[in-house]
């Protein structure tokens, strides 16, 4: 699943980007501590981690075409539970 938003990232600095998945069908996307998109995945089931690979920094279109992220990714974190909006804001603001 991916998150697409009409307001593109600026290329002149770092951004904090976070995604959450509630385990049922809702994906949320945050940029710099602010919720920018809520999306619903198909009702046909949950994300199945064992059934497919997790790609960070690229999108596989399906016919072998890949779209690669042009930039740097720093301080990647993956949790085993969805963070709250407050936890995401706190992580963005730092200690």
C-alpha atoms as a PDB file:
ATOM      1  CA  UNK A   1       0.000   0.000   0.000  1.00  0.00           C
ATOM      2  CA  UNK A   2       1.175   3.541  -0.551  1.00  0.00           C
ATOM      3  CA  UNK A   3       0.169   7.040   0.385  1.00  0.00           C
ATOM      4  CA  UNK A   4      -0.269   9.673  -2.314  1.00  0.00           C
ATOM      5  CA  UNK A   5      -0.948  13.307  -1.468  1.00  0.00           C
ATOM      6  CA  UNK A   6      -1.328  16.354  -3.719  1.00  0.00           C
ATOM      7  CA  UNK A   7       0.997  18.493  -1.574  1.00  0.00           C
ATOM      8  CA  UNK A   8       4.488  17.316  -2.566  1.00  0.00           C
ATOM      9  CA  UNK A   9       7.482  17.289  -0.236  1.00  0.00           C
ATOM     10  CA  UNK A  10       9.911  20.152  -0.645  1.00  0.00           C
ATOM     11  CA  UNK A  11      13.439  19.184  -1.602  1.00  0.00           C
ATOM     12  CA  UNK A  12      15.283  21.742   0.490  1.00  0.00           C
ATOM     13  CA  UNK A  13      15.339  20.004   3.863  1.00  0.00           C
ATOM     14  CA  UNK A  14      14.478  17.032   6.025  1.00  0.00           C
ATOM     15  CA  UNK A  15      10.921  15.840   6.667  1.00  0.00           C
ATOM     16  CA  UNK A  16       9.525  13.465   9.260  1.00  0.00           C
ATOM     17  CA  UNK A  17       7.185  10.988   7.547  1.00  0.00           C
ATOM     18  CA  UNK A  18       5.206   8.364   9.459  1.00  0.00           C
ATOM     19  CA  UNK A  19       2.644   5.759   8.487  1.00  0.00           C
ATOM     20  CA  UNK A  20       0.362   3.773  10.769  1.00  0.00           C
ATOM     21  CA  UNK A  21      -1.795   0.734  10.074  1.00  0.00           C
ATOM     22  CA  UNK A  22      -4.512  -0.211  12.569  1.00  0.00           C
ATOM     23  CA  UNK A  23      -4.457  -3.955  11.812  1.00  0.00           C
ATOM     24  CA  UNK A  24      -7.881  -3.861  10.176  1.00  0.00           C
ATOM     25  CA  UNK A  25      -8.133  -1.563   7.154  1.00  0.00           C
ATOM     26  CA  UNK A  26      -6.992   1.994   7.949  1.00  0.00           C
ATOM     27  CA  UNK A  27      -3.661   3.516   6.950  1.00  0.00           C
ATOM     28  CA  UNK A  28      -2.714   7.013   8.141  1.00  0.00           C
ATOM     29  CA  UNK A  29       0.084   9.177   6.774  1.00  0.00           C
ATOM     30  CA  UNK A  30       1.747  11.967   8.779  1.00  0.00           C
ATOM     31  CA  UNK A  31       4.228  14.591   7.604  1.00  0.00           C
ATOM     32  CA  UNK A  32       6.190  16.649  10.121  1.00  0.00           C
ATOM     33  CA  UNK A  33       3.857  15.558  12.928  1.00  0.00           C
ATOM     34  CA  UNK A  34       0.612  16.428  11.098  1.00  0.00           C
ATOM     35  CA  UNK A  35      -1.934  13.918   9.763  1.00  0.00           C
ATOM     36  CA  UNK A  36      -2.178  14.536   6.009  1.00  0.00           C
ATOM     37  CA  UNK A  37      -4.060  11.475   4.762  1.00  0.00           C
ATOM     38  CA  UNK A  38      -6.271   8.655   6.006  1.00  0.00           C
ATOM     39  CA  UNK A  39      -6.905   5.815   3.575  1.00  0.00           C
ATOM     40  CA  UNK A  40      -8.790   2.534   3.691  1.00  0.00           C
ATOM     41  CA  UNK A  41      -7.304  -0.594   2.187  1.00  0.00           C
ATOM     42  CA  UNK A  42      -9.582  -3.128   0.544  1.00  0.00           C
ATOM     43  CA  UNK A  43     -11.975  -4.991   2.787  1.00  0.00           C
ATOM     44  CA  UNK A  44     -10.645  -8.277   1.414  1.00  0.00           C
ATOM     45  CA  UNK A  45      -8.276  -8.682   4.317  1.00  0.00           C
ATOM     46  CA  UNK A  46      -5.373  -7.395   6.314  1.00  0.00           C
ATOM     47  CA  UNK A  47      -1.846  -6.703   5.153  1.00  0.00           C
ATOM     48  CA  UNK A  48       0.032  -9.967   5.031  1.00  0.00           C
ATOM     49  CA  UNK A  49       3.676  -9.421   5.882  1.00  0.00           C
ATOM     50  CA  UNK A  50       4.762 -12.989   5.187  1.00  0.00           C
ATOM     51  CA  UNK A  51       3.137 -13.036   1.747  1.00  0.00           C
ATOM     52  CA  UNK A  52       5.091 -10.155   0.247  1.00  0.00           C
ATOM     53  CA  UNK A  53       8.232  -8.106   0.646  1.00  0.00           C
ATOM     54  CA  UNK A  54       8.404  -4.749   2.379  1.00  0.00           C
ATOM     55  CA  UNK A  55       9.990  -2.120   0.142  1.00  0.00           C
ATOM     56  CA  UNK A  56      11.180   1.158   1.610  1.00  0.00           C
ATOM     57  CA  UNK A  57      12.169   3.809  -0.903  1.00  0.00           C
ATOM     58  CA  UNK A  58      10.673   2.169  -3.960  1.00  0.00           C
ATOM     59  CA  UNK A  59       7.355   1.157  -5.470  1.00  0.00           C
ATOM     60  CA  UNK A  60       7.013  -1.978  -7.573  1.00  0.00           C
ATOM     61  CA  UNK A  61       4.305  -1.346 -10.156  1.00  0.00           C
ATOM     62  CA  UNK A  62       3.778  -4.989 -11.057  1.00  0.00           C
ATOM     63  CA  UNK A  63       5.124  -5.462 -14.573  1.00  0.00           C
ATOM     64  CA  UNK A  64       8.703  -5.208 -13.344  1.00  0.00           C
ATOM     65  CA  UNK A  65       8.645  -1.405 -13.356  1.00  0.00           C
ATOM     66  CA  UNK A  66      10.095   0.192 -10.219  1.00  0.00           C
ATOM     67  CA  UNK A  67       9.938   3.775  -9.030  1.00  0.00           C
ATOM     68  CA  UNK A  68      12.855   4.627  -6.765  1.00  0.00           C
ATOM     69  CA  UNK A  69      12.946   7.327  -4.090  1.00  0.00           C
ATOM     70  CA  UNK A  70      15.546   9.984  -4.867  1.00  0.00           C
ATOM     71  CA  UNK A  71      16.814  11.251  -1.543  1.00  0.00           C
ATOM     72  CA  UNK A  72      18.054  10.015   1.808  1.00  0.00           C
ATOM     73  CA  UNK A  73      16.273   8.065   4.531  1.00  0.00           C
ATOM     74  CA  UNK A  74      17.573   8.450   8.081  1.00  0.00           C
ATOM     75  CA  UNK A  75      16.502   7.028  11.448  1.00  0.00           C
ATOM     76  CA  UNK A  76      14.040   4.470  10.081  1.00  0.00           C
ATOM     77  CA  UNK A  77      11.865   2.891  12.794  1.00  0.00           C
ATOM     78  CA  UNK A  78       9.384   0.033  12.485  1.00  0.00           C
ATOM     79  CA  UNK A  79       7.081  -0.740  15.423  1.00  0.00           C
ATOM     80  CA  UNK A  80       4.913  -3.781  16.144  1.00  0.00           C
ATOM     81  CA  UNK A  81       1.935  -1.552  17.006  1.00  0.00           C
ATOM     82  CA  UNK A  82       0.417   1.640  15.565  1.00  0.00           C
ATOM     83  CA  UNK A  83       1.667   4.840  17.180  1.00  0.00           C
ATOM     84  CA  UNK A  84      -0.834   7.445  18.322  1.00  0.00           C
ATOM     85  CA  UNK A  85      -0.885  10.917  16.766  1.00  0.00           C
ATOM     86  CA  UNK A  86       0.706  12.268  19.962  1.00  0.00           C
ATOM     87  CA  UNK A  87       3.534   9.711  19.821  1.00  0.00           C
ATOM     88  CA  UNK A  88       4.227  10.646  16.204  1.00  0.00           C
ATOM     89  CA  UNK A  89       4.243  14.369  17.049  1.00  0.00           C
ATOM     90  CA  UNK A  90       6.597  13.716  19.954  1.00  0.00           C
ATOM     91  CA  UNK A  91       8.946  11.658  17.774  1.00  0.00           C
ATOM     92  CA  UNK A  92       8.983  14.435  15.163  1.00  0.00           C
ATOM     93  CA  UNK A  93       9.726  17.153  17.726  1.00  0.00           C
ATOM     94  CA  UNK A  94      12.507  15.104  19.324  1.00  0.00           C
ATOM     95  CA  UNK A  95      13.739  15.148  22.905  1.00  0.00           C
END
